[in-house]
Amino acid sequence: MKKLVQDFEVLHKEELNKDNFVLEIKAFEALPDIKPGQFVNVLVENANNTFLRRPLSIHFVDYDKNIIKLYIKRIGEGTNKLGELKIGDKLNLIYPLGNQYSIPKNSKTLLVGGGCGVAPLLYLAKHLKEAGNEVTTILGIRSADDAIELDHYNEYGRVFITTEDGTMGEKGYPTQHSVLNEDFDYSFTCGPDPMMKAVAAFSKSKNIPCEVSLENTMACGIGACLCCVTDTKRGNICTCTEGPVFNINELKW
């Protein structure tokens, strides 16, 4: 798929809580076909110590309005600078990068997200529902204060919550939720490595396919810088070009 380098205009910034926000950015040209699981590399301007582009999952795409939504967590200087963008500011992207999640049809699908790893799952849920799948999403958060965008996820299927402090949903981690007693045909996950490995172990125990989206540092997005190399059964490969989505059977987990 052809990679584009384009400027976007910031249309809206939604502050979800003190740490997370969503940027709505509008393209000046018609958007290409964007698949769930793909990402963009964003140029961060006016940052003293941010020299490399920042990889961000594509949270949602609205083709009617020519808009991409980016879910961003404030972590360091780069993401904090992105949080300072104003309406009308320009943002330069290389996109669409990486591969995609598989889209089965007419199946029971399980989505598990934790932290800012929830970013690509909303767009995935939309595609899964449109393909006739039953979508169940488990979101793992620290407390009820982190329960954000639930209404959006509810548009595409059932949504369950786990919280570390028990203030909402079931107390514990996503892989401990009681809904996992049900049968599923496929699982998809993105988030911290320990959580994804737990989802992978659960999926293997149920003998169902599982795909994970790795969150390696992907500075160039085209396999040139080798920042994102990951060890697989095919050898060391670049996450940005061969991933970020992998079937767990490909990984040395």
Protein backbone atom coordinates (compact mmCIF):
# COMPACT_ATOMS: atom_id res chain seq x y z
CA MET A 1 0.00 0.00 0.00
CA LYS A 2 1.30 3.44 -0.93
CA LYS A 3 2.58 5.55 1.98
CA LEU A 4 1.61 9.22 2.02
CA VAL A 5 3.28 12.22 3.63
CA GLN A 6 0.60 14.84 4.16
CA ASP A 7 -0.37 17.78 6.32
CA PHE A 8 -3.63 17.60 8.28
CA GLU A 9 -5.54 20.36 10.04
CA VAL A 10 -6.53 20.01 13.69
CA LEU A 11 -10.33 20.28 13.87
CA HIS A 12 -11.00 19.34 17.46
CA LYS A 13 -9.26 18.16 20.62
CA GLU A 14 -11.29 16.21 23.16
CA GLU A 15 -9.79 15.94 26.62
CA LEU A 16 -10.86 12.52 27.90
CA ASN A 17 -9.19 12.91 31.30
CA LYS A 18 -5.98 14.44 32.66
CA ASP A 19 -3.80 11.96 30.78
CA ASN A 20 -5.62 11.12 27.55
CA PHE A 21 -7.07 13.08 24.67
CA VAL A 22 -8.34 12.53 21.13
CA LEU A 23 -7.24 14.67 18.21
CA GLU A 24 -9.56 14.98 15.25
CA ILE A 25 -7.53 15.91 12.20
CA LYS A 26 -8.82 16.62 8.71
CA ALA A 27 -7.01 15.73 5.49
CA PHE A 28 -6.79 18.22 2.64
CA GLU A 29 -7.09 15.34 0.15
CA ALA A 30 -9.36 12.30 0.06
CA LEU A 31 -8.27 9.68 2.60
CA PRO A 32 -6.87 6.38 1.29
CA ASP A 33 -8.21 3.02 2.40
CA ILE A 34 -7.18 2.65 6.05
CA LYS A 35 -7.34 -0.72 7.79
CA PRO A 36 -7.89 -1.42 11.51
CA GLY A 37 -4.56 -1.85 13.22
CA GLN A 38 -2.61 0.51 10.99
CA PHE A 39 -0.83 3.53 12.41
CA VAL A 40 0.59 6.95 11.54
CA ASN A 41 3.95 8.54 12.26
CA VAL A 42 3.52 12.12 13.44
CA LEU A 43 6.05 14.92 13.17
CA VAL A 44 6.29 16.76 16.50
CA GLU A 45 7.36 20.34 15.90
CA ASN A 46 8.90 22.81 18.38
CA ALA A 47 10.07 20.08 20.74
CA ASN A 48 13.64 20.44 21.98
CA ASN A 49 14.33 16.75 22.58
CA THR A 50 11.92 15.03 20.20
CA PHE A 51 13.78 14.36 16.97
CA LEU A 52 11.98 11.27 15.71
CA ARG A 53 8.37 10.98 14.63
CA ARG A 54 5.90 9.49 17.07
CA PRO A 55 3.91 6.37 16.08
CA LEU A 56 0.21 6.58 16.95
CA SER A 57 -2.52 4.01 16.33
CA ILE A 58 -5.40 5.08 14.16
CA HIS A 59 -8.30 5.31 16.57
CA PHE A 60 -11.09 5.94 14.07
CA VAL A 61 -11.70 7.08 10.50
CA ASP A 62 -14.65 9.11 9.24
CA TYR A 63 -14.50 9.03 5.44
CA ASP A 64 -17.58 11.23 5.06
CA LYS A 65 -15.82 14.09 6.86
CA ASN A 66 -12.28 13.15 5.73
CA ILE A 67 -11.22 12.87 9.39
CA ILE A 68 -8.80 10.65 11.28
CA LYS A 69 -8.99 10.40 15.06
CA LEU A 70 -5.86 9.80 17.12
CA TYR A 71 -6.07 8.62 20.74
CA ILE A 72 -3.05 10.00 22.60
CA LYS A 73 -1.71 9.52 26.11
CA ARG A 74 0.53 12.19 27.56
CA ILE A 75 3.76 10.37 28.34
CA GLY A 76 6.75 12.52 27.38
CA GLU A 77 7.71 15.72 25.63
CA GLY A 78 6.43 14.57 22.23
CA THR A 79 2.92 13.63 23.29
CA ASN A 80 2.70 16.64 25.61
CA LYS A 81 3.54 18.89 22.66
CA LEU A 82 0.78 17.23 20.65
CA GLY A 83 -1.54 18.03 23.55
CA GLU A 84 -0.74 21.73 23.08
CA LEU A 85 -2.01 21.83 19.49
CA LYS A 86 -4.78 24.32 18.78
CA ILE A 87 -7.69 24.24 16.38
CA GLY A 88 -6.38 25.13 12.94
CA ASP A 89 -2.82 23.97 13.60
CA LYS A 90 -1.17 21.69 11.05
CA LEU A 91 0.08 18.20 11.76
CA ASN A 92 2.31 16.26 9.34
CA LEU A 93 1.72 12.52 9.02
CA ILE A 94 3.27 9.56 7.25
CA TYR A 95 0.44 7.05 6.78
CA PRO A 96 -1.13 4.50 6.55
CA LEU A 97 1.64 2.34 8.01
CA GLY A 98 1.82 -1.30 9.05
CA ASN A 99 -0.50 -4.22 8.51
CA GLN A 100 -3.98 -4.87 9.87
CA TYR A 101 -6.03 -7.06 12.14
CA SER A 102 -7.83 -9.92 10.42
CA ILE A 103 -11.57 -9.51 9.92
CA PRO A 104 -13.44 -12.80 10.25
CA LYS A 105 -17.13 -13.04 9.39
CA ASN A 106 -20.14 -14.12 11.45
CA SER A 107 -18.06 -15.14 14.46
CA LYS A 108 -17.86 -14.43 18.19
CA THR A 109 -14.95 -12.05 18.60
CA LEU A 110 -13.22 -10.91 21.77
CA LEU A 111 -11.33 -7.61 22.03
CA VAL A 112 -9.13 -6.91 25.06
CA GLY A 113 -7.52 -3.53 25.63
CA GLY A 114 -5.51 -1.99 28.40
CA GLY A 115 -4.13 1.52 28.90
CA CYS A 116 -3.59 3.49 25.70
CA GLY A 117 -3.61 0.11 23.95
CA VAL A 118 -7.35 0.60 23.55
CA ALA A 119 -6.56 3.06 20.72
CA PRO A 120 -6.88 0.74 17.68
CA LEU A 121 -9.72 -1.37 19.06
CA LEU A 122 -12.61 1.02 18.39
CA TYR A 123 -11.98 1.08 14.64
CA LEU A 124 -11.48 -2.70 14.73
CA ALA A 125 -14.80 -3.17 16.53
CA LYS A 126 -16.56 -1.19 13.80
CA HIS A 127 -15.11 -3.38 11.05
CA LEU A 128 -15.89 -6.57 12.94
CA LYS A 129 -19.52 -5.60 13.46
CA GLU A 130 -19.90 -4.63 9.80
CA ALA A 131 -18.63 -8.11 8.86
CA GLY A 132 -21.44 -9.71 10.86
CA ASN A 133 -19.45 -10.58 13.95
CA GLU A 134 -20.63 -10.53 17.55
CA VAL A 135 -18.21 -8.18 19.31
CA THR A 136 -17.31 -8.38 23.00
CA THR A 137 -14.82 -5.86 24.36
CA ILE A 138 -13.05 -5.95 27.73
CA LEU A 139 -11.32 -2.73 28.76
CA GLY A 140 -8.88 -2.86 31.64
CA ILE A 141 -8.47 0.41 33.53
CA ARG A 142 -7.09 1.51 36.87
CA SER A 143 -10.24 3.08 38.29
CA ALA A 144 -13.63 4.48 37.32
CA ASP A 145 -11.95 7.82 36.58
CA ASP A 146 -10.34 6.19 33.53
CA ALA A 147 -13.64 4.93 32.05
CA ILE A 148 -13.69 6.91 28.80
CA GLU A 149 -15.45 6.58 25.44
CA LEU A 150 -17.58 3.68 26.63
CA ASP A 151 -20.56 4.93 24.62
CA HIS A 152 -18.50 4.65 21.42
CA TYR A 153 -17.51 1.05 22.12
CA ASN A 154 -21.11 0.20 23.03
CA GLU A 155 -22.15 1.09 19.47
CA TYR A 156 -20.43 -2.04 18.20
CA GLY A 157 -21.14 -4.68 20.83
CA ARG A 158 -20.97 -5.60 24.48
CA VAL A 159 -18.46 -3.80 26.68
CA PHE A 160 -17.12 -5.01 30.02
CA ILE A 161 -14.81 -3.21 32.43
CA THR A 162 -12.21 -4.34 34.91
CA THR A 163 -10.63 -1.93 37.37
CA GLU A 164 -7.59 -2.48 39.52
CA ASP A 165 -9.27 -0.82 42.52
CA GLY A 166 -12.74 -2.28 41.99
CA THR A 167 -14.46 1.10 41.54
CA MET A 168 -16.16 -0.03 38.31
CA GLY A 169 -16.97 -3.34 36.69
CA GLU A 170 -15.13 -6.36 38.05
CA LYS A 171 -12.05 -5.91 40.20
CA GLY A 172 -8.87 -7.27 38.68
CA TYR A 173 -7.32 -7.51 35.25
CA PRO A 174 -9.02 -8.01 31.87
CA THR A 175 -7.91 -11.63 31.65
CA GLN A 176 -9.70 -12.34 34.95
CA HIS A 177 -13.14 -11.13 33.81
CA SER A 178 -15.98 -13.64 34.18
CA VAL A 179 -17.14 -13.13 30.58
CA LEU A 180 -14.12 -15.20 29.54
CA ASN A 181 -16.08 -18.24 30.68
CA GLU A 182 -18.00 -17.87 27.42
CA ASP A 183 -16.81 -19.35 24.14
CA PHE A 184 -15.19 -17.17 21.49
CA ASP A 185 -13.93 -17.84 17.98
CA TYR A 186 -11.24 -15.15 17.75
CA SER A 187 -9.41 -12.78 20.09
CA PHE A 188 -7.66 -9.47 19.43
CA THR A 189 -5.68 -7.39 21.88
CA CYS A 190 -3.50 -4.32 22.34
CA GLY A 191 -1.94 -2.94 25.49
CA PRO A 192 0.89 -3.67 27.93
CA ASP A 193 2.96 -6.75 27.07
CA PRO A 194 2.03 -8.69 30.25
CA MET A 195 -1.67 -8.24 29.46
CA MET A 196 -1.26 -9.27 25.82
CA LYS A 197 0.76 -12.33 26.84
CA ALA A 198 -2.02 -13.27 29.25
CA VAL A 199 -4.60 -12.90 26.46
CA ALA A 200 -2.36 -15.01 24.23
CA ALA A 201 -2.13 -17.73 26.90
CA PHE A 202 -5.92 -17.68 27.37
CA SER A 203 -6.44 -17.97 23.61
CA LYS A 204 -4.01 -20.87 23.31
CA SER A 205 -5.81 -22.66 26.14
CA LYS A 206 -9.09 -22.26 24.22
CA ASN A 207 -7.47 -23.12 20.88
CA ILE A 208 -8.67 -19.93 19.21
CA PRO A 209 -6.70 -17.58 16.91
CA CYS A 210 -5.29 -14.51 18.65
CA GLU A 211 -3.76 -11.38 17.18
CA VAL A 212 -1.78 -8.79 19.14
CA SER A 213 -0.67 -5.28 18.21
CA LEU A 214 2.85 -4.62 19.47
CA GLU A 215 3.74 -1.19 20.83
CA ASN A 216 7.42 -1.13 19.86
CA THR A 217 9.11 2.18 19.13
CA MET A 218 8.50 2.72 15.42
CA ALA A 219 10.39 5.90 14.55
CA CYS A 220 10.58 5.71 10.76
CA GLY A 221 7.63 3.47 9.93
CA ILE A 222 9.31 2.03 6.83
CA GLY A 223 11.84 -0.44 8.26
CA ALA A 224 14.92 1.76 7.86
CA CYS A 225 15.87 2.72 11.43
CA LEU A 226 15.57 -0.77 12.99
CA CYS A 227 14.26 0.70 16.26
CA CYS A 228 11.29 -1.66 16.34
CA VAL A 229 12.86 -5.06 15.62
CA THR A 230 11.06 -7.92 17.33
CA ASP A 231 12.05 -11.58 17.66
CA THR A 232 9.73 -13.96 15.82
CA LYS A 233 9.84 -17.54 14.62
CA ARG A 234 10.85 -16.09 11.24
CA GLY A 235 13.78 -14.29 12.83
CA ASN A 236 14.22 -10.63 13.77
CA ILE A 237 11.81 -8.48 11.77
CA CYS A 238 10.65 -4.87 11.80
CA THR A 239 7.40 -4.35 13.65
CA CYS A 240 6.56 -1.26 11.60
CA THR A 241 6.55 -3.09 8.26
CA GLU A 242 5.73 -6.72 9.16
CA GLY A 243 3.41 -5.67 12.01
CA PRO A 244 2.38 -4.10 14.28
CA VAL A 245 -0.27 -6.85 14.23
CA PHE A 246 0.96 -10.42 14.70
CA ASN A 247 -0.68 -13.76 15.17
CA ILE A 248 0.63 -15.06 18.48
CA ASN A 249 1.89 -18.19 16.77
CA GLU A 250 4.45 -16.00 14.97
CA LEU A 251 5.97 -14.65 18.16
CA LYS A 252 8.46 -16.27 20.53
CA TRP A 253 6.21 -15.81 23.54
